[in-house]
């Protein structure tokens, strides 16, 4: 059973929370290359998807992109960014979270290429544009995790086809990467 680092355990304790079984299972199965988590809204599904990343970065801080989060909606990515900031900030974790959508300025995109955040939140279309760039293979080479949220809304559409092609590229560039569907 994978334990939470003291900083994250303290964050849970301060809130009077205990880790849900599906969250613990996500932590215990970090060596699995692909996982699908189905849980009701409000059940801690998104936190479960990100917990392995938070634990890995808390235990072994590093530079560069660790986790890519793909959402069908840029508004959902913005909500996730805001929601992730709470445990990161309150647990004192040195983790940078940024988004990359159609609204992201060219200046920020350029900075992200040079100095990637630990967690990057994006949409299928922005991922496709990023993957088409000449530096994408190098940028994603050390990627550890991809989280696809609302996978049921993306998969049966042309956006799902586009995302599948992007995920295939990511898998070839970062063979140790794990994929999580929520």
N, C-alpha and C. Protein backbone atom coordinates (compact mmCIF):
# COMPACT_ATOMS: atom_id res chain seq x y z
N UNK A 1 0.85 -1.18 0.00
CA UNK A 1 0.00 0.00 0.00
C UNK A 1 0.90 1.24 0.00
N UNK A 2 0.78 2.04 -1.03
CA UNK A 2 1.58 3.26 -1.16
C UNK A 2 1.07 4.32 -0.19
N UNK A 3 1.98 4.84 0.61
CA UNK A 3 1.62 5.87 1.59
C UNK A 3 1.77 7.26 0.98
N UNK A 4 0.96 8.17 1.46
CA UNK A 4 1.10 9.56 1.06
C UNK A 4 2.32 10.17 1.74
N UNK A 5 3.03 11.07 1.06
CA UNK A 5 4.10 11.79 1.75
C UNK A 5 3.49 12.60 2.90
N UNK A 6 4.30 12.90 3.90
CA UNK A 6 3.81 13.60 5.10
C UNK A 6 3.06 14.88 4.76
N UNK A 7 3.56 15.65 3.78
CA UNK A 7 2.91 16.92 3.44
C UNK A 7 1.49 16.71 2.90
N UNK A 8 1.30 15.69 2.08
CA UNK A 8 -0.05 15.42 1.55
C UNK A 8 -0.94 14.78 2.61
N UNK A 9 -0.36 13.89 3.43
CA UNK A 9 -1.15 13.28 4.50
C UNK A 9 -1.64 14.36 5.46
N UNK A 10 -0.78 15.32 5.76
CA UNK A 10 -1.14 16.44 6.64
C UNK A 10 -2.27 17.26 6.01
N UNK A 11 -2.21 17.45 4.69
CA UNK A 11 -3.28 18.19 3.99
C UNK A 11 -4.61 17.46 4.13
N UNK A 12 -4.60 16.14 3.93
CA UNK A 12 -5.82 15.34 4.11
C UNK A 12 -6.30 15.45 5.56
N UNK A 13 -5.38 15.30 6.52
CA UNK A 13 -5.74 15.33 7.93
C UNK A 13 -6.35 16.67 8.34
N UNK A 14 -5.76 17.76 7.86
CA UNK A 14 -6.25 19.10 8.19
C UNK A 14 -7.69 19.28 7.75
N UNK A 15 -8.06 18.65 6.66
CA UNK A 15 -9.42 18.74 6.14
C UNK A 15 -10.35 17.69 6.77
N UNK A 16 -9.79 16.80 7.55
CA UNK A 16 -10.60 15.74 8.15
C UNK A 16 -10.98 14.67 7.15
N UNK A 17 -10.17 14.52 6.11
CA UNK A 17 -10.45 13.55 5.05
C UNK A 17 -9.59 12.31 5.22
N UNK A 18 -10.11 11.22 4.70
CA UNK A 18 -9.31 10.02 4.52
C UNK A 18 -9.30 9.71 3.03
N UNK A 19 -8.28 9.06 2.60
CA UNK A 19 -8.16 8.74 1.18
C UNK A 19 -9.23 7.70 0.81
N UNK A 20 -9.91 7.93 -0.31
CA UNK A 20 -10.94 7.00 -0.79
C UNK A 20 -10.27 5.73 -1.34
N UNK A 21 -10.97 4.61 -1.31
CA UNK A 21 -10.37 3.37 -1.84
C UNK A 21 -9.89 3.50 -3.29
N UNK A 22 -10.67 4.19 -4.15
CA UNK A 22 -10.23 4.31 -5.55
C UNK A 22 -9.00 5.21 -5.68
N UNK A 23 -8.84 6.16 -4.78
CA UNK A 23 -7.64 7.00 -4.79
C UNK A 23 -6.43 6.18 -4.37
N UNK A 24 -6.60 5.34 -3.35
CA UNK A 24 -5.50 4.48 -2.90
C UNK A 24 -5.12 3.49 -4.00
N UNK A 25 -6.13 2.96 -4.69
CA UNK A 25 -5.86 2.01 -5.77
C UNK A 25 -5.06 2.68 -6.90
N UNK A 26 -5.35 3.94 -7.18
CA UNK A 26 -4.58 4.65 -8.21
C UNK A 26 -3.12 4.78 -7.78
N UNK A 27 -2.91 5.06 -6.49
CA UNK A 27 -1.54 5.14 -5.97
C UNK A 27 -0.83 3.79 -6.03
N UNK A 28 -1.56 2.74 -5.68
CA UNK A 28 -0.96 1.41 -5.63
C UNK A 28 -0.69 0.85 -7.02
N UNK A 29 -1.30 1.41 -8.04
CA UNK A 29 -1.16 0.85 -9.39
C UNK A 29 -0.37 1.77 -10.32
N UNK A 30 0.52 2.57 -9.77
CA UNK A 30 1.27 3.52 -10.61
C UNK A 30 2.18 2.82 -11.62
N UNK A 31 2.47 1.56 -11.42
CA UNK A 31 3.31 0.86 -12.40
C UNK A 31 2.49 0.32 -13.57
N UNK A 32 1.16 0.36 -13.47
CA UNK A 32 0.32 -0.09 -14.59
C UNK A 32 0.41 0.93 -15.72
N UNK A 33 0.59 0.48 -16.95
CA UNK A 33 0.75 1.42 -18.06
C UNK A 33 -0.54 2.16 -18.44
N UNK A 34 -1.69 1.56 -18.17
CA UNK A 34 -2.98 2.18 -18.54
C UNK A 34 -4.01 1.87 -17.46
N UNK A 35 -4.75 2.91 -17.08
CA UNK A 35 -5.81 2.74 -16.10
C UNK A 35 -7.03 3.53 -16.53
N UNK A 36 -8.20 3.01 -16.21
CA UNK A 36 -9.45 3.72 -16.43
C UNK A 36 -10.17 3.78 -15.09
N UNK A 37 -10.51 4.99 -14.67
CA UNK A 37 -11.20 5.18 -13.40
C UNK A 37 -12.60 5.71 -13.69
N UNK A 38 -13.59 4.97 -13.21
CA UNK A 38 -14.98 5.38 -13.34
C UNK A 38 -15.50 5.61 -11.93
N UNK A 39 -15.91 6.84 -11.65
CA UNK A 39 -16.42 7.19 -10.32
C UNK A 39 -17.44 8.31 -10.50
N UNK A 40 -18.39 8.42 -9.58
CA UNK A 40 -19.40 9.47 -9.70
C UNK A 40 -18.81 10.87 -9.50
N UNK A 41 -19.50 11.85 -10.05
CA UNK A 41 -19.11 13.24 -9.85
C UNK A 41 -19.07 13.53 -8.36
N UNK A 42 -18.02 14.22 -7.94
CA UNK A 42 -17.86 14.56 -6.53
C UNK A 42 -17.22 13.47 -5.71
N UNK A 43 -16.78 12.39 -6.35
CA UNK A 43 -16.18 11.27 -5.63
C UNK A 43 -14.67 11.32 -5.52
N UNK A 44 -14.06 12.41 -5.93
CA UNK A 44 -12.60 12.52 -5.83
C UNK A 44 -11.86 11.87 -6.98
N UNK A 45 -12.54 11.73 -8.11
CA UNK A 45 -11.96 11.07 -9.28
C UNK A 45 -10.76 11.84 -9.84
N UNK A 46 -10.89 13.15 -9.98
CA UNK A 46 -9.80 13.93 -10.55
C UNK A 46 -8.59 13.92 -9.62
N UNK A 47 -8.83 14.07 -8.32
CA UNK A 47 -7.72 13.99 -7.37
C UNK A 47 -7.07 12.62 -7.44
N UNK A 48 -7.88 11.58 -7.59
CA UNK A 48 -7.33 10.22 -7.72
C UNK A 48 -6.40 10.12 -8.92
N UNK A 49 -6.79 10.75 -10.03
CA UNK A 49 -5.94 10.72 -11.22
C UNK A 49 -4.62 11.44 -11.02
N UNK A 50 -4.65 12.53 -10.25
CA UNK A 50 -3.45 13.34 -10.04
C UNK A 50 -2.62 12.91 -8.83
N UNK A 51 -3.18 12.13 -7.91
CA UNK A 51 -2.44 11.75 -6.70
C UNK A 51 -1.08 11.10 -7.00
N UNK A 52 -1.01 10.14 -7.94
CA UNK A 52 0.32 9.56 -8.22
C UNK A 52 1.34 10.62 -8.65
N UNK A 53 0.92 11.59 -9.43
CA UNK A 53 1.82 12.67 -9.85
C UNK A 53 2.25 13.49 -8.65
N UNK A 54 1.30 13.88 -7.82
CA UNK A 54 1.63 14.69 -6.65
C UNK A 54 2.59 13.95 -5.72
N UNK A 55 2.35 12.66 -5.52
CA UNK A 55 3.21 11.85 -4.66
C UNK A 55 4.61 11.74 -5.27
N UNK A 56 4.69 11.43 -6.56
CA UNK A 56 6.00 11.30 -7.21
C UNK A 56 6.79 12.60 -7.13
N UNK A 57 6.13 13.72 -7.40
CA UNK A 57 6.84 15.00 -7.39
C UNK A 57 7.15 15.46 -5.96
N UNK A 58 6.35 15.07 -4.99
CA UNK A 58 6.65 15.40 -3.60
C UNK A 58 7.86 14.60 -3.11
N UNK A 59 7.91 13.33 -3.51
CA UNK A 59 9.00 12.45 -3.08
C UNK A 59 10.30 12.69 -3.84
N UNK A 60 10.20 13.08 -5.09
CA UNK A 60 11.40 13.27 -5.93
C UNK A 60 11.19 14.47 -6.85
N UNK A 61 11.34 15.68 -6.31
CA UNK A 61 11.15 16.87 -7.15
C UNK A 61 12.08 16.83 -8.37
N UNK A 62 11.61 17.36 -9.46
CA UNK A 62 12.38 17.36 -10.69
C UNK A 62 11.93 18.52 -11.56
N UNK A 63 12.72 18.83 -12.54
CA UNK A 63 12.35 19.84 -13.53
C UNK A 63 11.68 19.15 -14.70
N UNK A 64 10.95 19.91 -15.47
CA UNK A 64 10.37 19.40 -16.70
C UNK A 64 8.96 18.88 -16.54
N UNK A 65 8.38 18.58 -17.68
CA UNK A 65 7.00 18.10 -17.74
C UNK A 65 6.91 16.69 -17.20
N UNK A 66 6.04 16.50 -16.23
CA UNK A 66 5.78 15.18 -15.65
C UNK A 66 4.44 14.65 -16.15
N UNK A 67 3.40 15.48 -16.07
CA UNK A 67 2.04 15.02 -16.37
C UNK A 67 1.35 15.97 -17.33
N UNK A 68 0.71 15.36 -18.32
CA UNK A 68 -0.11 16.09 -19.29
C UNK A 68 -1.56 15.71 -19.02
N UNK A 69 -2.40 16.72 -18.84
CA UNK A 69 -3.83 16.51 -18.60
C UNK A 69 -4.57 17.02 -19.82
N UNK A 70 -5.45 16.19 -20.38
CA UNK A 70 -6.21 16.56 -21.57
C UNK A 70 -7.69 16.57 -21.21
N UNK A 71 -8.33 17.70 -21.48
CA UNK A 71 -9.74 17.90 -21.18
C UNK A 71 -10.48 18.28 -22.46
N UNK A 72 -11.74 17.87 -22.59
CA UNK A 72 -12.48 18.28 -23.78
C UNK A 72 -12.84 19.77 -23.79
N UNK A 73 -12.76 20.42 -22.63
CA UNK A 73 -13.14 21.83 -22.52
C UNK A 73 -12.06 22.64 -21.85
N UNK A 74 -11.73 23.81 -22.41
CA UNK A 74 -10.71 24.64 -21.76
C UNK A 74 -11.22 25.16 -20.42
N UNK A 75 -12.53 25.33 -20.27
CA UNK A 75 -13.07 25.77 -18.98
C UNK A 75 -12.84 24.70 -17.90
N UNK A 76 -12.95 23.44 -18.27
CA UNK A 76 -12.69 22.36 -17.32
C UNK A 76 -11.22 22.35 -16.94
N UNK A 77 -10.34 22.58 -17.90
CA UNK A 77 -8.90 22.66 -17.60
C UNK A 77 -8.62 23.80 -16.61
N UNK A 78 -9.30 24.92 -16.80
CA UNK A 78 -9.13 26.06 -15.87
C UNK A 78 -9.62 25.70 -14.48
N UNK A 79 -10.74 24.99 -14.38
CA UNK A 79 -11.25 24.55 -13.07
C UNK A 79 -10.27 23.59 -12.40
N UNK A 80 -9.74 22.67 -13.18
CA UNK A 80 -8.80 21.69 -12.63
C UNK A 80 -7.55 22.40 -12.14
N UNK A 81 -7.08 23.37 -12.90
CA UNK A 81 -5.89 24.14 -12.48
C UNK A 81 -6.15 24.78 -11.12
N UNK A 82 -7.28 25.41 -10.99
CA UNK A 82 -7.63 26.07 -9.73
C UNK A 82 -7.76 25.03 -8.59
N UNK A 83 -8.40 23.90 -8.88
CA UNK A 83 -8.59 22.87 -7.86
C UNK A 83 -7.27 22.19 -7.46
N UNK A 84 -6.35 22.04 -8.39
CA UNK A 84 -5.06 21.44 -8.08
C UNK A 84 -4.18 22.35 -7.23
N UNK A 85 -4.36 23.65 -7.42
CA UNK A 85 -3.55 24.61 -6.66
C UNK A 85 -3.77 24.44 -5.16
N UNK A 86 -4.97 24.06 -4.75
CA UNK A 86 -5.27 23.94 -3.32
C UNK A 86 -4.37 22.92 -2.63
N UNK A 87 -4.37 21.64 -3.04
CA UNK A 87 -3.48 20.72 -2.33
C UNK A 87 -2.00 21.04 -2.54
N UNK A 88 -1.64 21.51 -3.73
CA UNK A 88 -0.24 21.84 -4.00
C UNK A 88 0.23 22.95 -3.09
N UNK A 89 -0.54 24.04 -3.03
CA UNK A 89 -0.14 25.19 -2.21
C UNK A 89 -0.22 24.87 -0.72
N UNK A 90 -1.31 24.25 -0.29
CA UNK A 90 -1.50 23.99 1.14
C UNK A 90 -0.56 22.91 1.68
N UNK A 91 -0.10 22.01 0.79
CA UNK A 91 0.86 20.99 1.22
C UNK A 91 2.30 21.48 1.01
N UNK A 92 2.44 22.68 0.44
CA UNK A 92 3.77 23.24 0.23
C UNK A 92 4.60 22.51 -0.80
N UNK A 93 3.95 21.97 -1.82
CA UNK A 93 4.66 21.21 -2.84
C UNK A 93 5.23 22.14 -3.92
N UNK A 94 6.47 21.92 -4.33
CA UNK A 94 7.08 22.75 -5.36
C UNK A 94 6.69 22.28 -6.77
N UNK A 95 5.41 22.38 -7.07
CA UNK A 95 4.88 21.88 -8.34
C UNK A 95 4.24 23.04 -9.09
N UNK A 96 4.64 23.20 -10.34
CA UNK A 96 4.08 24.26 -11.19
C UNK A 96 3.03 23.65 -12.13
N UNK A 97 1.85 24.26 -12.16
CA UNK A 97 0.74 23.83 -13.00
C UNK A 97 0.39 24.97 -13.94
N UNK A 98 0.31 24.67 -15.23
CA UNK A 98 -0.08 25.69 -16.22
C UNK A 98 -1.02 25.08 -17.23
N UNK A 99 -1.76 25.95 -17.91
CA UNK A 99 -2.62 25.46 -18.98
C UNK A 99 -2.10 25.98 -20.32
N UNK A 100 -2.56 25.29 -21.36
CA UNK A 100 -2.19 25.66 -22.73
C UNK A 100 -3.43 25.43 -23.58
N UNK A 101 -4.13 26.53 -23.84
CA UNK A 101 -5.36 26.47 -24.63
C UNK A 101 -5.23 27.45 -25.80
N UNK A 102 -6.29 27.60 -26.54
CA UNK A 102 -6.29 28.57 -27.63
C UNK A 102 -6.13 30.00 -27.14
N UNK A 103 -6.41 30.23 -25.86
CA UNK A 103 -6.29 31.57 -25.28
C UNK A 103 -4.88 31.86 -24.74
N UNK A 104 -4.03 30.86 -24.70
CA UNK A 104 -2.68 31.06 -24.16
C UNK A 104 -1.86 31.89 -25.15
N UNK A 105 -1.22 32.92 -24.64
CA UNK A 105 -0.46 33.82 -25.51
C UNK A 105 0.77 33.11 -26.09
N UNK A 106 1.24 33.62 -27.21
CA UNK A 106 2.44 33.08 -27.86
C UNK A 106 3.64 33.18 -26.93
N UNK A 107 3.70 34.25 -26.16
CA UNK A 107 4.80 34.45 -25.21
C UNK A 107 4.83 33.33 -24.17
N UNK A 108 3.68 32.99 -23.62
CA UNK A 108 3.62 31.94 -22.60
C UNK A 108 3.93 30.58 -23.22
N UNK A 109 3.41 30.33 -24.42
CA UNK A 109 3.70 29.05 -25.10
C UNK A 109 5.19 28.90 -25.34
N UNK A 110 5.84 29.98 -25.72
CA UNK A 110 7.28 29.95 -25.96
C UNK A 110 8.02 29.65 -24.65
N UNK A 111 7.60 30.29 -23.57
CA UNK A 111 8.22 30.04 -22.27
C UNK A 111 8.00 28.60 -21.82
N UNK A 112 6.80 28.07 -22.08
CA UNK A 112 6.51 26.69 -21.70
C UNK A 112 7.41 25.70 -22.45
N UNK A 113 7.74 26.02 -23.69
CA UNK A 113 8.65 25.14 -24.44
C UNK A 113 10.03 25.14 -23.80
N UNK A 114 10.50 26.31 -23.37
CA UNK A 114 11.83 26.44 -22.79
C UNK A 114 11.88 25.96 -21.34
N UNK A 115 10.82 26.19 -20.60
CA UNK A 115 10.77 25.86 -19.17
C UNK A 115 9.40 25.25 -18.86
N UNK A 116 9.22 23.96 -19.18
CA UNK A 116 7.90 23.34 -19.01
C UNK A 116 7.46 23.28 -17.55
N UNK A 117 6.15 23.43 -17.33
CA UNK A 117 5.63 23.21 -15.97
C UNK A 117 5.67 21.72 -15.66
N UNK A 118 5.48 21.37 -14.41
CA UNK A 118 5.43 19.96 -14.03
C UNK A 118 4.15 19.30 -14.56
N UNK A 119 3.06 20.08 -14.53
CA UNK A 119 1.76 19.61 -14.99
C UNK A 119 1.23 20.60 -16.02
N UNK A 120 0.91 20.10 -17.19
CA UNK A 120 0.37 20.95 -18.27
C UNK A 120 -1.04 20.48 -18.59
N UNK A 121 -1.98 21.42 -18.56
CA UNK A 121 -3.39 21.14 -18.82
C UNK A 121 -3.73 21.68 -20.21
N UNK A 122 -4.37 20.85 -21.04
CA UNK A 122 -4.64 21.28 -22.41
C UNK A 122 -5.89 20.59 -22.96
N UNK A 123 -6.17 20.86 -24.23
CA UNK A 123 -7.30 20.27 -24.94
C UNK A 123 -6.77 19.39 -26.07
N UNK A 124 -7.59 18.52 -26.64
CA UNK A 124 -7.12 17.67 -27.74
C UNK A 124 -6.57 18.48 -28.93
N UNK A 125 -7.23 19.60 -29.24
CA UNK A 125 -6.79 20.40 -30.38
C UNK A 125 -5.43 21.05 -30.12
N UNK A 126 -5.24 21.58 -28.92
CA UNK A 126 -3.95 22.19 -28.60
C UNK A 126 -2.84 21.14 -28.53
N UNK A 127 -3.17 19.96 -28.06
CA UNK A 127 -2.19 18.87 -28.04
C UNK A 127 -1.79 18.52 -29.47
N UNK A 128 -2.77 18.44 -30.38
CA UNK A 128 -2.46 18.13 -31.78
C UNK A 128 -1.54 19.18 -32.39
N UNK A 129 -1.79 20.45 -32.09
CA UNK A 129 -0.93 21.51 -32.61
C UNK A 129 0.48 21.40 -32.03
N UNK A 130 0.56 21.11 -30.74
CA UNK A 130 1.85 20.99 -30.08
C UNK A 130 2.63 19.81 -30.65
N UNK A 131 1.96 18.69 -30.85
CA UNK A 131 2.61 17.48 -31.37
C UNK A 131 3.13 17.70 -32.79
N UNK A 132 2.48 18.57 -33.53
CA UNK A 132 2.91 18.85 -34.90
C UNK A 132 4.14 19.74 -34.97
N UNK A 133 4.56 20.31 -33.84
CA UNK A 133 5.72 21.21 -33.85
C UNK A 133 7.02 20.41 -33.96
N UNK A 134 8.05 21.07 -34.42
CA UNK A 134 9.32 20.38 -34.66
C UNK A 134 10.06 19.99 -33.38
N UNK A 135 9.70 20.50 -32.26
CA UNK A 135 10.38 20.19 -30.99
C UNK A 135 9.57 19.27 -30.08
N UNK A 136 8.45 18.76 -30.57
CA UNK A 136 7.53 18.00 -29.72
C UNK A 136 8.16 16.72 -29.16
N UNK A 137 8.86 15.96 -29.98
CA UNK A 137 9.43 14.70 -29.51
C UNK A 137 10.39 14.93 -28.35
N UNK A 138 11.19 15.96 -28.43
CA UNK A 138 12.12 16.29 -27.35
C UNK A 138 11.36 16.78 -26.11
N UNK A 139 10.34 17.61 -26.33
CA UNK A 139 9.57 18.18 -25.22
C UNK A 139 8.89 17.09 -24.40
N UNK A 140 8.33 16.10 -25.08
CA UNK A 140 7.54 15.06 -24.40
C UNK A 140 8.35 13.82 -24.05
N UNK A 141 9.63 13.77 -24.35
CA UNK A 141 10.45 12.56 -24.19
C UNK A 141 10.47 12.02 -22.76
N UNK A 142 10.40 12.88 -21.76
CA UNK A 142 10.47 12.43 -20.37
C UNK A 142 9.11 12.48 -19.67
N UNK A 143 8.04 12.54 -20.45
CA UNK A 143 6.69 12.57 -19.90
C UNK A 143 6.42 11.28 -19.12
N UNK A 144 5.84 11.42 -17.94
CA UNK A 144 5.58 10.26 -17.08
C UNK A 144 4.12 9.83 -17.06
N UNK A 145 3.19 10.77 -17.31
CA UNK A 145 1.78 10.45 -17.16
C UNK A 145 0.91 11.33 -18.06
N UNK A 146 -0.11 10.73 -18.64
CA UNK A 146 -1.14 11.47 -19.38
C UNK A 146 -2.47 11.12 -18.74
N UNK A 147 -3.24 12.17 -18.38
CA UNK A 147 -4.57 11.99 -17.81
C UNK A 147 -5.57 12.55 -18.80
N UNK A 148 -6.51 11.73 -19.23
CA UNK A 148 -7.55 12.18 -20.15
C UNK A 148 -8.85 12.22 -19.37
N UNK A 149 -9.38 13.41 -19.19
CA UNK A 149 -10.61 13.59 -18.41
C UNK A 149 -11.81 13.54 -19.33
N UNK A 150 -12.93 13.11 -18.79
CA UNK A 150 -14.18 13.01 -19.56
C UNK A 150 -13.94 12.23 -20.85
N UNK A 151 -13.20 11.14 -20.71
CA UNK A 151 -12.80 10.35 -21.88
C UNK A 151 -14.01 9.86 -22.66
N UNK A 152 -15.11 9.63 -21.96
CA UNK A 152 -16.33 9.17 -22.63
C UNK A 152 -16.90 10.22 -23.57
N UNK A 153 -16.62 11.48 -23.31
CA UNK A 153 -17.12 12.56 -24.17
C UNK A 153 -16.23 12.79 -25.39
N UNK A 154 -14.98 12.37 -25.30
CA UNK A 154 -14.03 12.60 -26.39
C UNK A 154 -13.94 11.39 -27.32
N UNK A 155 -13.89 10.20 -26.75
CA UNK A 155 -13.56 8.98 -27.50
C UNK A 155 -14.40 8.73 -28.75
N UNK A 156 -15.73 8.86 -28.71
CA UNK A 156 -16.52 8.46 -29.88
C UNK A 156 -16.66 9.55 -30.96
N UNK A 157 -15.75 10.49 -30.99
CA UNK A 157 -15.89 11.61 -31.94
C UNK A 157 -14.62 11.80 -32.75
N UNK A 158 -14.67 12.74 -33.68
CA UNK A 158 -13.47 13.08 -34.45
C UNK A 158 -12.38 13.63 -33.53
N UNK A 159 -12.78 14.31 -32.47
CA UNK A 159 -11.80 14.80 -31.48
C UNK A 159 -11.10 13.61 -30.82
N UNK A 160 -11.84 12.53 -30.61
CA UNK A 160 -11.25 11.32 -30.04
C UNK A 160 -10.26 10.68 -31.00
N UNK A 161 -10.59 10.70 -32.29
CA UNK A 161 -9.65 10.18 -33.29
C UNK A 161 -8.37 10.99 -33.29
N UNK A 162 -8.52 12.32 -33.25
CA UNK A 162 -7.37 13.22 -33.21
C UNK A 162 -6.54 12.95 -31.95
N UNK A 163 -7.21 12.80 -30.83
CA UNK A 163 -6.51 12.55 -29.57
C UNK A 163 -5.79 11.19 -29.63
N UNK A 164 -6.42 10.18 -30.20
CA UNK A 164 -5.79 8.85 -30.31
C UNK A 164 -4.47 8.92 -31.07
N UNK A 165 -4.46 9.69 -32.16
CA UNK A 165 -3.22 9.86 -32.92
C UNK A 165 -2.16 10.55 -32.06
N UNK A 166 -2.57 11.57 -31.31
CA UNK A 166 -1.63 12.27 -30.44
C UNK A 166 -1.09 11.36 -29.35
N UNK A 167 -1.96 10.54 -28.77
CA UNK A 167 -1.52 9.63 -27.71
C UNK A 167 -0.54 8.59 -28.24
N UNK A 168 -0.76 8.15 -29.49
CA UNK A 168 0.17 7.20 -30.10
C UNK A 168 1.56 7.84 -30.26
N UNK A 169 1.60 9.10 -30.65
CA UNK A 169 2.88 9.80 -30.75
C UNK A 169 3.54 9.91 -29.38
N UNK A 170 2.76 10.30 -28.38
CA UNK A 170 3.32 10.42 -27.03
C UNK A 170 3.87 9.09 -26.54
N UNK A 171 3.15 8.01 -26.80
CA UNK A 171 3.59 6.68 -26.37
C UNK A 171 4.91 6.29 -27.04
N UNK A 172 5.10 6.70 -28.28
CA UNK A 172 6.36 6.35 -28.95
C UNK A 172 7.52 7.23 -28.47
N UNK A 173 7.24 8.48 -28.13
CA UNK A 173 8.29 9.38 -27.65
C UNK A 173 8.64 9.14 -26.19
N UNK A 174 7.66 8.72 -25.40
CA UNK A 174 7.85 8.51 -23.96
C UNK A 174 7.33 7.12 -23.60
N UNK A 175 8.09 6.08 -23.92
CA UNK A 175 7.59 4.71 -23.74
C UNK A 175 7.27 4.32 -22.30
N UNK A 176 7.84 5.02 -21.32
CA UNK A 176 7.55 4.70 -19.92
C UNK A 176 6.33 5.45 -19.38
N UNK A 177 5.71 6.25 -20.22
CA UNK A 177 4.55 7.05 -19.81
C UNK A 177 3.36 6.14 -19.51
N UNK A 178 2.61 6.50 -18.48
CA UNK A 178 1.36 5.78 -18.18
C UNK A 178 0.18 6.66 -18.59
N UNK A 179 -0.92 6.01 -18.93
CA UNK A 179 -2.11 6.71 -19.43
C UNK A 179 -3.28 6.40 -18.51
N UNK A 180 -3.96 7.48 -18.09
CA UNK A 180 -5.09 7.35 -17.17
C UNK A 180 -6.31 7.99 -17.82
N UNK A 181 -7.38 7.24 -17.92
CA UNK A 181 -8.65 7.76 -18.41
C UNK A 181 -9.59 7.96 -17.23
N UNK A 182 -10.23 9.12 -17.19
CA UNK A 182 -11.21 9.41 -16.13
C UNK A 182 -12.58 9.57 -16.77
